[in-house]
Amino acid sequence: MGKINVQSSTIEGRAEERVQVTEYDIIFGAIRREMKITKEQIVSRSRLRDIVEARQMFCLLARDLIKEGSAKVGQQIKRDHATVLYSAASMRNLCAVDKRLAIAKNYIEKDITPKIKRISELTIPICKHCKQPIYEERVS
């Protein structure tokens, strides 16, 4: 007879490791929700207008809210520092002219500003079997 492995019946019981959520992950998630563009699309080499706008929005928000150098921001999207500076300036100018982008930027900023302030306490457990994040409900 073979051995039977008994596993926990709850998802929380299977979580062994925790992943530190970065400020960049929060920005990518907010852009995904608001602009419907995934992180993979932002990092890609695509030059479609909606993807370029999302990439520029990421550069602007990362430069304004995270306060790190443009080289570090560029590493997140596989671009150099000059591209990050140009993208942030372009999006700032577009937001002054395009109402749709200005509204999207405001929604994203309102969503992520408090999350970035309390980033140190945001950790998400990862299931050891399926390697998916386990989101816990917090009761306030």
Protein backbone atom coordinates (compact mmCIF):
# COMPACT_ATOMS: atom_id res chain seq x y z
CA MET A 1 0.00 0.00 0.00
CA GLY A 2 1.14 3.51 -0.79
CA LYS A 3 1.23 6.46 1.50
CA ILE A 4 -1.67 8.89 1.57
CA ASN A 5 -0.75 12.53 1.86
CA VAL A 6 -3.22 14.43 3.99
CA GLN A 7 -3.53 18.06 2.99
CA SER A 8 -5.22 20.91 4.74
CA SER A 9 -8.82 21.43 3.73
CA THR A 10 -8.65 25.23 3.79
CA ILE A 11 -6.71 27.49 1.52
CA GLU A 12 -5.31 29.44 4.47
CA GLY A 13 -3.90 26.20 5.89
CA ARG A 14 -1.84 25.61 2.74
CA ALA A 15 -0.18 29.01 2.70
CA GLU A 16 3.43 28.67 3.71
CA GLU A 17 5.20 31.64 2.27
CA ARG A 18 4.36 35.30 2.05
CA VAL A 19 5.24 37.70 -0.72
CA GLN A 20 6.08 41.32 -0.14
CA VAL A 21 3.91 43.54 -2.31
CA THR A 22 5.85 46.41 -3.83
CA GLU A 23 4.66 49.88 -4.70
CA TYR A 24 5.07 48.98 -8.36
CA ASP A 25 2.68 46.03 -7.98
CA ILE A 26 0.07 48.35 -6.53
CA ILE A 27 0.43 50.76 -9.47
CA PHE A 28 0.27 47.93 -12.01
CA GLY A 29 -2.90 46.60 -10.35
CA ALA A 30 -4.59 50.00 -10.31
CA ILE A 31 -3.78 50.57 -13.98
CA ARG A 32 -5.11 47.11 -14.80
CA ARG A 33 -8.41 47.87 -13.05
CA GLU A 34 -8.87 51.38 -14.42
CA MET A 35 -7.40 51.17 -17.93
CA LYS A 36 -7.90 47.40 -18.56
CA ILE A 37 -4.23 46.88 -19.51
CA THR A 38 -2.22 44.07 -17.89
CA LYS A 39 1.33 44.26 -16.60
CA GLU A 40 2.50 41.99 -19.42
CA GLN A 41 1.06 44.40 -21.98
CA ILE A 42 2.70 47.40 -20.29
CA VAL A 43 6.09 45.67 -20.27
CA SER A 44 5.70 44.47 -23.88
CA ARG A 45 7.13 46.27 -26.90
CA SER A 46 3.66 47.08 -28.23
CA ARG A 47 3.03 50.56 -29.60
CA LEU A 48 -0.76 50.44 -29.57
CA ARG A 49 -2.18 53.71 -28.28
CA ASP A 50 -4.00 52.36 -25.24
CA ILE A 51 -0.97 50.34 -24.14
CA VAL A 52 1.36 53.30 -24.61
CA GLU A 53 -0.99 55.48 -22.54
CA ALA A 54 -1.02 52.88 -19.74
CA ARG A 55 2.80 52.66 -19.86
CA GLN A 56 3.09 56.44 -19.70
CA MET A 57 0.59 56.54 -16.82
CA PHE A 58 2.73 54.00 -14.95
CA CYS A 59 5.84 56.14 -15.46
CA LEU A 60 4.08 59.29 -14.27
CA LEU A 61 2.56 57.68 -11.17
CA ALA A 62 5.76 55.87 -10.24
CA ARG A 63 7.82 59.05 -10.56
CA ASP A 64 5.32 61.14 -8.59
CA LEU A 65 4.29 58.72 -5.85
CA ILE A 66 7.23 56.41 -5.23
CA LYS A 67 10.00 59.00 -5.46
CA GLU A 68 12.64 56.65 -6.84
CA GLY A 69 15.02 57.30 -9.68
CA SER A 70 13.93 56.94 -13.25
CA ALA A 71 16.38 54.07 -13.79
CA LYS A 72 14.60 51.94 -11.15
CA VAL A 73 11.21 52.76 -12.65
CA GLY A 74 12.57 51.85 -16.08
CA GLN A 75 13.71 48.45 -14.83
CA GLN A 76 10.09 47.61 -13.97
CA ILE A 77 8.94 48.16 -17.55
CA LYS A 78 12.19 47.14 -19.29
CA ARG A 79 12.96 50.64 -20.55
CA ASP A 80 15.80 53.08 -19.92
CA HIS A 81 15.65 56.18 -17.73
CA ALA A 82 15.23 58.58 -20.65
CA THR A 83 12.10 56.77 -21.79
CA VAL A 84 10.66 57.04 -18.27
CA LEU A 85 11.33 60.78 -18.13
CA TYR A 86 9.84 61.33 -21.59
CA SER A 87 6.80 59.15 -20.83
CA ALA A 88 6.05 60.94 -17.55
CA ALA A 89 6.30 64.34 -19.21
CA SER A 90 4.13 63.21 -22.12
CA MET A 91 1.42 61.85 -19.82
CA ARG A 92 1.47 65.01 -17.72
CA ASN A 93 0.84 67.04 -20.89
CA LEU A 94 -1.84 64.63 -22.11
CA CYS A 95 -3.68 64.82 -18.78
CA ALA A 96 -3.81 68.59 -19.14
CA VAL A 97 -5.56 68.23 -22.50
CA ASP A 98 -7.43 64.90 -22.44
CA LYS A 99 -10.22 64.77 -19.86
CA ARG A 100 -10.50 60.95 -20.03
CA LEU A 101 -6.86 60.49 -19.03
CA ALA A 102 -7.06 63.15 -16.34
CA ILE A 103 -10.05 61.41 -14.74
CA ALA A 104 -8.32 58.01 -14.95
CA LYS A 105 -5.19 59.46 -13.32
CA ASN A 106 -7.24 60.96 -10.48
CA TYR A 107 -9.08 57.67 -9.84
CA ILE A 108 -5.85 55.71 -9.82
CA GLU A 109 -4.13 58.20 -7.49
CA LYS A 110 -7.05 58.12 -5.03
CA ASP A 111 -6.96 54.33 -5.07
CA ILE A 112 -3.23 53.80 -4.58
CA THR A 113 -2.08 56.69 -2.39
CA PRO A 114 -3.26 55.15 0.92
CA LYS A 115 -2.02 51.71 -0.15
CA ILE A 116 1.46 53.00 -0.89
CA LYS A 117 1.57 54.73 2.49
CA ARG A 118 0.94 51.47 4.32
CA ILE A 119 2.91 49.20 2.00
CA SER A 120 5.07 47.78 4.77
CA GLU A 121 2.15 45.87 6.28
CA LEU A 122 0.82 44.49 2.99
CA THR A 123 1.95 40.91 2.54
CA ILE A 124 -0.02 38.27 0.71
CA PRO A 125 0.26 34.54 1.48
CA ILE A 126 1.04 32.23 -1.45
CA CYS A 127 -0.41 28.71 -1.73
CA LYS A 128 2.43 26.18 -1.82
CA HIS A 129 0.53 23.92 -4.23
CA CYS A 130 -0.92 26.21 -6.87
CA LYS A 131 1.41 29.20 -6.32
CA GLN A 132 -1.54 31.61 -6.37
CA PRO A 133 -1.98 34.52 -3.93
CA ILE A 134 -4.49 34.09 -1.12
CA TYR A 135 -6.32 37.30 -0.39
CA GLU A 136 -7.53 37.59 3.18
CA GLU A 137 -10.64 39.51 4.13
CA ARG A 138 -9.95 42.12 6.78
CA VAL A 139 -12.77 43.10 9.08
CA SER A 140 -12.52 46.66 10.34
